């Protein structure tokens, strides 16, 4: 049962990875932004990816909080 719960949780985050346009533009790197929000400094994305604007990061943080990401 625990494995199923973890799988469901991971699918919620994976769904957010595909919504780059929601957070800025379709080229912004959602994965790197998630790592930055977790406190992992990994530097800017390589081209053709673009950094996520601060407004997008705030919205991403809200979406991640809604799925419980920061409590796992």
N, C-alpha and C. Protein backbone atom coordinates (compact mmCIF):
# COMPACT_ATOMS: atom_id res chain seq x y z
N UNK A 1 0.81 -1.20 0.00
CA UNK A 1 0.00 0.00 0.00
C UNK A 1 0.85 1.27 0.00
N UNK A 2 1.96 1.25 0.71
CA UNK A 2 2.81 2.45 0.76
C UNK A 2 3.38 2.76 -0.62
N UNK A 3 3.76 1.72 -1.36
CA UNK A 3 4.32 1.94 -2.69
C UNK A 3 3.30 2.61 -3.60
N UNK A 4 2.05 2.22 -3.49
CA UNK A 4 1.00 2.82 -4.31
C UNK A 4 0.85 4.30 -3.97
N UNK A 5 0.90 4.64 -2.69
CA UNK A 5 0.78 6.04 -2.27
C UNK A 5 1.95 6.85 -2.82
N UNK A 6 3.16 6.33 -2.73
CA UNK A 6 4.32 7.04 -3.26
C UNK A 6 4.22 7.21 -4.77
N UNK A 7 3.72 6.20 -5.46
CA UNK A 7 3.55 6.30 -6.90
C UNK A 7 2.54 7.39 -7.24
N UNK A 8 1.43 7.43 -6.53
CA UNK A 8 0.42 8.46 -6.77
C UNK A 8 0.98 9.86 -6.51
N UNK A 9 1.77 10.00 -5.44
CA UNK A 9 2.40 11.29 -5.13
C UNK A 9 3.35 11.71 -6.25
N UNK A 10 4.15 10.77 -6.72
CA UNK A 10 5.12 11.12 -7.77
C UNK A 10 4.41 11.51 -9.07
N UNK A 11 3.29 10.88 -9.36
CA UNK A 11 2.55 11.22 -10.57
C UNK A 11 2.00 12.65 -10.51
N UNK A 12 1.68 13.13 -9.33
CA UNK A 12 1.21 14.51 -9.18
C UNK A 12 2.31 15.49 -9.56
N UNK A 13 3.53 15.21 -9.16
CA UNK A 13 4.65 16.09 -9.50
C UNK A 13 4.99 15.96 -10.98
N UNK A 14 4.97 14.76 -11.50
CA UNK A 14 5.25 14.56 -12.92
C UNK A 14 4.26 15.32 -13.79
N UNK A 15 3.01 15.38 -13.36
CA UNK A 15 2.01 16.15 -14.11
C UNK A 15 2.38 17.63 -14.16
N UNK A 16 2.96 18.15 -13.09
CA UNK A 16 3.36 19.56 -13.07
C UNK A 16 4.54 19.81 -14.01
N UNK A 17 5.40 18.82 -14.20
CA UNK A 17 6.55 18.98 -15.09
C UNK A 17 6.13 19.30 -16.52
N UNK A 18 4.97 18.83 -16.91
CA UNK A 18 4.50 19.04 -18.26
C UNK A 18 3.72 20.33 -18.46
N UNK A 19 3.66 21.16 -17.45
CA UNK A 19 2.87 22.40 -17.52
C UNK A 19 3.76 23.64 -17.51
N UNK A 20 4.83 23.61 -18.25
CA UNK A 20 5.79 24.73 -18.25
C UNK A 20 5.12 26.05 -18.63
N UNK A 21 4.22 26.03 -19.58
CA UNK A 21 3.58 27.27 -20.02
C UNK A 21 2.79 27.93 -18.88
N UNK A 22 2.30 27.14 -17.96
CA UNK A 22 1.57 27.69 -16.80
C UNK A 22 2.49 28.55 -15.93
N UNK A 23 3.78 28.23 -15.92
CA UNK A 23 4.72 28.89 -15.02
C UNK A 23 5.59 29.95 -15.70
N UNK A 24 5.34 30.27 -16.91
CA UNK A 24 6.13 31.30 -17.58
C UNK A 24 6.01 31.20 -19.07
N UNK A 25 6.68 30.22 -19.63
CA UNK A 25 6.56 29.94 -21.06
C UNK A 25 6.86 28.47 -21.28
N UNK A 26 6.60 28.00 -22.45
CA UNK A 26 6.75 26.57 -22.71
C UNK A 26 8.20 26.10 -22.70
N UNK A 27 9.13 27.04 -22.65
CA UNK A 27 10.56 26.70 -22.63
C UNK A 27 11.16 26.70 -21.23
N UNK A 28 10.43 27.12 -20.22
CA UNK A 28 11.05 27.19 -18.89
C UNK A 28 11.24 25.79 -18.32
N UNK A 29 12.28 25.65 -17.53
CA UNK A 29 12.69 24.35 -17.00
C UNK A 29 12.05 24.13 -15.62
N UNK A 30 10.96 23.38 -15.60
CA UNK A 30 10.21 23.15 -14.37
C UNK A 30 11.01 22.28 -13.41
N UNK A 31 11.71 21.29 -13.93
CA UNK A 31 12.49 20.40 -13.07
C UNK A 31 13.55 21.14 -12.28
N UNK A 32 14.28 22.02 -12.93
CA UNK A 32 15.30 22.80 -12.23
C UNK A 32 14.66 23.73 -11.21
N UNK A 33 13.51 24.29 -11.54
CA UNK A 33 12.82 25.18 -10.61
C UNK A 33 12.39 24.41 -9.36
N UNK A 34 11.93 23.18 -9.53
CA UNK A 34 11.54 22.36 -8.38
C UNK A 34 12.75 22.10 -7.48
N UNK A 35 13.88 21.77 -8.09
CA UNK A 35 15.08 21.54 -7.29
C UNK A 35 15.49 22.81 -6.54
N UNK A 36 15.41 23.96 -7.19
CA UNK A 36 15.73 25.22 -6.52
C UNK A 36 14.79 25.47 -5.35
N UNK A 37 13.50 25.18 -5.53
CA UNK A 37 12.54 25.37 -4.45
C UNK A 37 12.82 24.44 -3.27
N UNK A 38 13.44 23.30 -3.54
CA UNK A 38 13.84 22.38 -2.47
C UNK A 38 15.19 22.76 -1.85
N UNK A 39 15.82 23.82 -2.39
CA UNK A 39 17.08 24.28 -1.83
C UNK A 39 18.32 23.68 -2.45
N UNK A 40 18.19 23.09 -3.63
CA UNK A 40 19.32 22.49 -4.33
C UNK A 40 19.80 23.48 -5.40
N UNK A 41 20.94 24.14 -5.17
CA UNK A 41 21.43 25.11 -6.16
C UNK A 41 22.12 24.39 -7.32
N UNK A 42 21.49 24.39 -8.48
CA UNK A 42 22.04 23.65 -9.61
C UNK A 42 22.39 24.54 -10.80
N UNK A 43 22.16 25.83 -10.67
CA UNK A 43 22.53 26.74 -11.73
C UNK A 43 21.44 26.88 -12.79
N UNK A 44 21.70 27.74 -13.76
CA UNK A 44 20.69 28.02 -14.79
C UNK A 44 20.55 26.86 -15.78
N UNK A 45 19.41 26.79 -16.44
CA UNK A 45 19.22 25.74 -17.45
C UNK A 45 20.04 26.03 -18.71
N UNK A 46 20.35 25.00 -19.45
CA UNK A 46 21.05 25.16 -20.73
C UNK A 46 20.03 25.44 -21.83
N UNK A 47 20.48 26.11 -22.87
CA UNK A 47 19.63 26.36 -24.02
C UNK A 47 19.20 25.04 -24.63
N UNK A 48 18.03 24.92 -25.11
CA UNK A 48 17.02 25.93 -25.39
C UNK A 48 16.09 26.21 -24.22
N UNK A 49 16.32 25.60 -23.07
CA UNK A 49 15.48 25.85 -21.90
C UNK A 49 15.75 27.26 -21.36
N UNK A 50 14.75 27.83 -20.71
CA UNK A 50 14.87 29.17 -20.14
C UNK A 50 14.60 29.10 -18.64
N UNK A 51 15.19 30.02 -17.88
CA UNK A 51 14.89 30.04 -16.46
C UNK A 51 13.42 30.44 -16.23
N UNK A 52 12.87 29.96 -15.14
CA UNK A 52 11.49 30.28 -14.81
C UNK A 52 11.43 31.64 -14.12
N UNK A 53 10.50 32.50 -14.53
CA UNK A 53 10.37 33.79 -13.86
C UNK A 53 9.92 33.62 -12.41
N UNK A 54 10.21 34.61 -11.58
CA UNK A 54 9.87 34.53 -10.15
C UNK A 54 8.37 34.32 -9.93
N UNK A 55 7.54 34.95 -10.77
CA UNK A 55 6.09 34.76 -10.63
C UNK A 55 5.72 33.30 -10.88
N UNK A 56 6.39 32.69 -11.84
CA UNK A 56 6.16 31.29 -12.14
C UNK A 56 6.60 30.39 -11.00
N UNK A 57 7.73 30.73 -10.36
CA UNK A 57 8.20 29.94 -9.22
C UNK A 57 7.22 30.03 -8.06
N UNK A 58 6.64 31.20 -7.85
CA UNK A 58 5.66 31.36 -6.77
C UNK A 58 4.43 30.48 -7.05
N UNK A 59 3.97 30.46 -8.30
CA UNK A 59 2.83 29.63 -8.66
C UNK A 59 3.18 28.15 -8.56
N UNK A 60 4.38 27.78 -8.98
CA UNK A 60 4.84 26.40 -8.87
C UNK A 60 4.90 25.97 -7.41
N UNK A 61 5.42 26.84 -6.55
CA UNK A 61 5.48 26.53 -5.11
C UNK A 61 4.07 26.25 -4.59
N UNK A 62 3.12 27.09 -4.97
CA UNK A 62 1.73 26.92 -4.53
C UNK A 62 1.19 25.57 -5.01
N UNK A 63 1.43 25.24 -6.27
CA UNK A 63 0.95 23.97 -6.82
C UNK A 63 1.60 22.78 -6.11
N UNK A 64 2.90 22.89 -5.81
CA UNK A 64 3.59 21.81 -5.11
C UNK A 64 3.08 21.66 -3.68
N UNK A 65 2.79 22.79 -3.04
CA UNK A 65 2.22 22.73 -1.69
C UNK A 65 0.85 22.06 -1.70
N UNK A 66 0.06 22.33 -2.74
CA UNK A 66 -1.27 21.72 -2.84
C UNK A 66 -1.21 20.20 -2.95
N UNK A 67 -0.17 19.68 -3.59
CA UNK A 67 -0.06 18.22 -3.69
C UNK A 67 0.74 17.63 -2.52
N UNK A 68 1.19 18.47 -1.59
CA UNK A 68 1.89 17.99 -0.41
C UNK A 68 3.37 17.72 -0.61
N UNK A 69 3.95 18.21 -1.68
CA UNK A 69 5.33 17.91 -2.04
C UNK A 69 6.33 18.22 -0.93
N UNK A 70 6.17 19.33 -0.25
CA UNK A 70 7.17 19.74 0.74
C UNK A 70 7.05 18.99 2.07
N UNK A 71 6.04 18.15 2.19
CA UNK A 71 5.88 17.37 3.43
C UNK A 71 6.33 15.93 3.27
N UNK A 72 6.77 15.53 2.07
CA UNK A 72 7.18 14.15 1.86
C UNK A 72 8.55 13.92 2.43
